[in-house]
Amino acid sequence: IEIILNLTPPISRDALIHHLAIPKLWLTNGGFYETKWASFSYYPMNVDLLYLIPLYFNMDYMAKFIHMSFGIGTALLIYQYLKNKVSPLAGLLGILVFLSTPMIFRLSTEAYVDLGLAFFTTASILAFIRYRDGEFKEFKWLFLSSMAMGLALGTKYNALIAWFFLLASIIFVYSKSTGEQWKAIRCGLIFFIISFLIFSPWLIKNILLTGN
């Protein structure tokens, strides 16, 4: 059903004035183009950058498939986690519950960015859980968690909320599990710095365009 709906032209308001319109202006002007009349043009747009590809080939409906793929990716992350923690059946039920949620179903047929935000945030949380389960010895999982959160921040400002709570959780869980508070703070700083650096290009773009 979603595939059939995604083959139709985009008609949602935010897609037509924001998520597809701003990238289209970038294509038309050969790069980042300041649109002072649209405050949302200063939002981070990691997922919207992917929409440049279908827009370039005049296949705007493909943007909806890109957004849907993030929903499928999130479902697969849930499956992998539940399969390892509980059972493959629990993983399949996790996929069913997530993808059949009405809001997820609807978003899967729109050229928005919310499913990208869900994917990167989920990946960040699960990567940190993997880091904790490995007794904080495998740094790559902390690095991946930081990268995923940075990509989430570069997708939508709403990720700032998840960033704050996950950062606080990392410091708390590390300190409680090991009893080493300074190492917990160092772990939190690593997470903060890496995720901020990945997020920073959008802040730099705004400074270059507006001086703010």
Protein backbone atom coordinates (compact mmCIF):
# COMPACT_ATOMS: atom_id res chain seq x y z
CA ILE A 1 0.00 0.00 0.00
CA GLU A 2 2.80 2.41 0.89
CA ILE A 3 4.62 1.68 -2.37
CA ILE A 4 1.48 2.48 -4.37
CA LEU A 5 0.93 5.71 -2.42
CA ASN A 6 4.58 6.70 -2.86
CA LEU A 7 4.29 6.48 -6.64
CA THR A 8 1.94 9.47 -6.56
CA PRO A 9 3.26 13.08 -6.65
CA PRO A 10 4.04 14.75 -3.30
CA ILE A 11 1.13 16.88 -2.10
CA SER A 12 1.87 17.43 1.63
CA ARG A 13 2.34 21.06 2.66
CA ASP A 14 5.72 20.76 4.41
CA ALA A 15 7.17 18.75 1.55
CA LEU A 16 6.12 21.33 -1.04
CA ILE A 17 7.22 24.47 0.84
CA HIS A 18 10.20 23.08 2.77
CA HIS A 19 11.66 19.60 2.35
CA LEU A 20 11.54 19.63 -1.45
CA ALA A 21 11.31 23.36 -2.13
CA ILE A 22 14.53 24.42 -0.38
CA PRO A 23 16.71 21.70 -2.01
CA LYS A 24 15.13 22.66 -5.35
CA LEU A 25 16.26 26.25 -4.81
CA TRP A 26 19.76 24.99 -4.02
CA LEU A 27 19.81 23.08 -7.29
CA THR A 28 18.53 26.08 -9.21
CA ASN A 29 21.12 28.41 -7.70
CA GLY A 30 24.04 25.99 -7.72
CA GLY A 31 24.54 25.76 -3.96
CA PHE A 32 23.23 26.91 -0.59
CA TYR A 33 20.83 29.74 -1.25
CA GLU A 34 19.53 31.94 1.54
CA THR A 35 15.76 32.31 1.55
CA LYS A 36 15.13 34.97 4.19
CA TRP A 37 11.37 34.64 3.87
CA ALA A 38 11.53 31.00 5.07
CA SER A 39 12.79 30.60 8.63
CA PHE A 40 12.78 26.82 8.17
CA SER A 41 15.52 27.16 5.53
CA TYR A 42 17.92 27.61 8.45
CA TYR A 43 17.00 24.22 9.92
CA PRO A 44 19.48 21.33 9.61
CA MET A 45 18.70 19.29 6.51
CA ASN A 46 20.74 16.06 6.41
CA VAL A 47 17.86 14.00 5.05
CA ASP A 48 16.74 16.79 2.73
CA LEU A 49 20.18 16.65 1.09
CA LEU A 50 19.29 13.15 -0.12
CA TYR A 51 16.25 14.63 -1.84
CA LEU A 52 18.58 16.54 -4.16
CA ILE A 53 19.10 13.31 -6.12
CA PRO A 54 15.47 12.62 -7.14
CA LEU A 55 14.88 16.35 -7.65
CA TYR A 56 17.85 16.55 -10.02
CA PHE A 57 16.30 13.80 -12.14
CA ASN A 58 12.79 15.32 -11.89
CA MET A 59 11.52 12.32 -9.90
CA ASP A 60 10.26 14.09 -6.80
CA TYR A 61 8.10 11.12 -5.75
CA MET A 62 11.29 9.12 -5.07
CA ALA A 63 11.89 11.37 -2.06
CA LYS A 64 9.00 9.57 -0.38
CA PHE A 65 10.73 6.23 -0.91
CA ILE A 66 13.90 7.62 0.66
CA HIS A 67 11.93 8.70 3.71
CA MET A 68 10.18 5.32 3.89
CA SER A 69 13.56 3.55 3.82
CA PHE A 70 14.48 5.22 7.12
CA GLY A 71 11.34 3.76 8.67
CA ILE A 72 12.27 0.31 7.40
CA GLY A 73 15.81 0.84 8.70
CA THR A 74 14.50 1.71 12.16
CA ALA A 75 12.32 -1.42 12.13
CA LEU A 76 15.39 -3.53 11.28
CA LEU A 77 17.32 -1.97 14.17
CA ILE A 78 14.46 -2.90 16.50
CA TYR A 79 14.42 -6.42 15.07
CA GLN A 80 18.15 -6.89 15.55
CA TYR A 81 18.02 -5.69 19.15
CA LEU A 82 15.01 -7.81 20.13
CA LYS A 83 16.35 -10.86 18.30
CA ASN A 84 19.59 -10.72 20.30
CA LYS A 85 17.94 -9.85 23.61
CA VAL A 86 14.79 -11.97 23.46
CA SER A 87 14.10 -14.06 20.35
CA PRO A 88 13.64 -13.79 16.58
CA LEU A 89 9.86 -13.89 17.09
CA ALA A 90 10.07 -10.90 19.41
CA GLY A 91 12.10 -9.14 16.74
CA LEU A 92 9.44 -9.78 14.11
CA LEU A 93 6.74 -8.56 16.46
CA GLY A 94 8.83 -5.43 17.04
CA ILE A 95 8.89 -4.79 13.29
CA LEU A 96 5.12 -5.30 13.08
CA VAL A 97 4.33 -3.00 16.00
CA PHE A 98 6.59 -0.22 14.71
CA LEU A 99 5.65 -0.26 11.03
CA SER A 100 1.91 -0.69 11.70
CA THR A 101 1.75 2.34 13.98
CA PRO A 102 -0.56 4.79 12.16
CA MET A 103 1.83 7.74 12.38
CA ILE A 104 4.75 5.67 11.07
CA PHE A 105 2.57 4.38 8.25
CA ARG A 106 1.55 7.90 7.30
CA LEU A 107 5.07 9.34 7.51
CA SER A 108 6.31 6.52 5.26
CA THR A 109 4.28 8.06 2.45
CA GLU A 110 5.53 11.64 2.88
CA ALA A 111 8.75 13.42 1.86
CA TYR A 112 9.52 14.49 5.43
CA VAL A 113 12.52 13.95 7.73
CA ASP A 114 10.96 12.53 10.90
CA LEU A 115 11.73 8.89 10.10
CA GLY A 116 15.35 9.86 9.50
CA LEU A 117 15.36 11.44 12.96
CA ALA A 118 13.86 8.25 14.41
CA PHE A 119 16.45 6.08 12.66
CA PHE A 120 19.52 8.02 13.76
CA THR A 121 18.24 8.48 17.33
CA THR A 122 17.43 4.78 17.65
CA ALA A 123 20.82 3.84 16.22
CA SER A 124 22.54 6.13 18.72
CA ILE A 125 20.68 4.67 21.70
CA LEU A 126 21.21 1.04 20.65
CA ALA A 127 24.90 1.64 19.93
CA PHE A 128 25.35 3.01 23.45
CA ILE A 129 23.50 0.01 24.89
CA ARG A 130 25.95 -2.22 22.99
CA TYR A 131 28.83 -0.19 24.44
CA ARG A 132 27.42 -0.68 27.95
CA ASP A 133 26.83 -4.40 27.41
CA GLY A 134 30.48 -4.72 26.40
CA GLU A 135 31.45 -3.22 29.78
CA PHE A 136 32.57 0.02 28.08
CA LYS A 137 35.58 -1.66 26.47
CA GLU A 138 34.67 -1.38 22.78
CA PHE A 139 35.15 2.30 21.93
CA LYS A 140 33.75 1.84 18.41
CA TRP A 141 30.22 1.59 19.82
CA LEU A 142 30.55 4.89 21.67
CA PHE A 143 31.94 6.41 18.47
CA LEU A 144 29.04 5.04 16.40
CA SER A 145 26.55 6.26 19.00
CA SER A 146 28.09 9.74 18.83
CA MET A 147 28.07 9.76 15.04
CA ALA A 148 24.45 8.66 14.86
CA MET A 149 23.40 11.36 17.30
CA GLY A 150 25.32 13.96 15.30
CA LEU A 151 23.43 12.87 12.18
CA ALA A 152 20.16 13.08 14.13
CA LEU A 153 21.02 16.65 15.19
CA GLY A 154 21.74 17.45 11.55
CA THR A 155 18.32 16.13 10.59
CA LYS A 156 16.02 18.11 12.87
CA TYR A 157 16.44 20.42 15.86
CA ASN A 158 14.10 18.19 17.88
CA ALA A 159 17.10 15.87 18.29
CA LEU A 160 18.53 18.38 20.77
CA ILE A 161 16.14 16.91 23.35
CA ALA A 162 17.34 13.34 22.74
CA TRP A 163 20.94 14.60 22.70
CA PHE A 164 20.59 16.11 26.19
CA PHE A 165 18.89 13.09 27.73
CA LEU A 166 21.25 10.53 26.13
CA LEU A 167 24.29 12.56 27.17
CA ALA A 168 23.03 12.64 30.77
CA SER A 169 22.20 8.92 30.59
CA ILE A 170 25.67 8.04 29.31
CA ILE A 171 27.37 9.83 32.21
CA PHE A 172 24.94 8.37 34.76
CA VAL A 173 25.04 4.78 33.49
CA TYR A 174 28.84 4.76 33.11
CA SER A 175 29.32 6.18 36.60
CA LYS A 176 26.81 3.80 38.19
CA SER A 177 28.21 0.74 36.41
CA THR A 178 31.90 1.41 37.05
CA GLY A 179 31.94 3.77 40.02
CA GLU A 180 34.42 5.97 38.14
CA GLN A 181 32.94 9.44 37.87
CA TRP A 182 35.77 11.15 36.01
CA LYS A 183 35.84 8.47 33.34
CA ALA A 184 32.06 8.81 33.07
CA ILE A 185 32.44 12.55 32.47
CA ARG A 186 35.19 11.88 29.91
CA CYS A 187 32.90 9.43 28.15
CA GLY A 188 30.16 12.05 28.07
CA LEU A 189 32.56 14.68 26.71
CA ILE A 190 33.65 12.34 23.90
CA PHE A 191 30.01 11.76 22.99
CA PHE A 192 29.28 15.50 23.12
CA ILE A 193 32.29 16.58 21.04
CA ILE A 194 31.92 13.98 18.27
CA SER A 195 28.18 14.51 17.87
CA PHE A 196 28.60 18.30 17.94
CA LEU A 197 31.31 18.24 15.28
CA ILE A 198 29.08 16.21 12.96
CA PHE A 199 26.22 18.63 13.62
CA SER A 200 28.36 21.78 13.29
CA PRO A 201 28.38 22.22 9.46
CA TRP A 202 24.75 23.35 9.61
CA LEU A 203 25.58 25.89 12.30
CA ILE A 204 28.56 27.13 10.26
CA LYS A 205 26.31 27.45 7.18
CA ASN A 206 23.91 29.64 9.12
CA ILE A 207 26.76 31.81 10.42
CA LEU A 208 28.12 32.28 6.89
CA LEU A 209 24.68 33.18 5.52
CA THR A 210 23.41 35.38 8.34
CA GLY A 211 26.35 36.23 10.59
CA ASN A 212 24.36 34.67 13.43
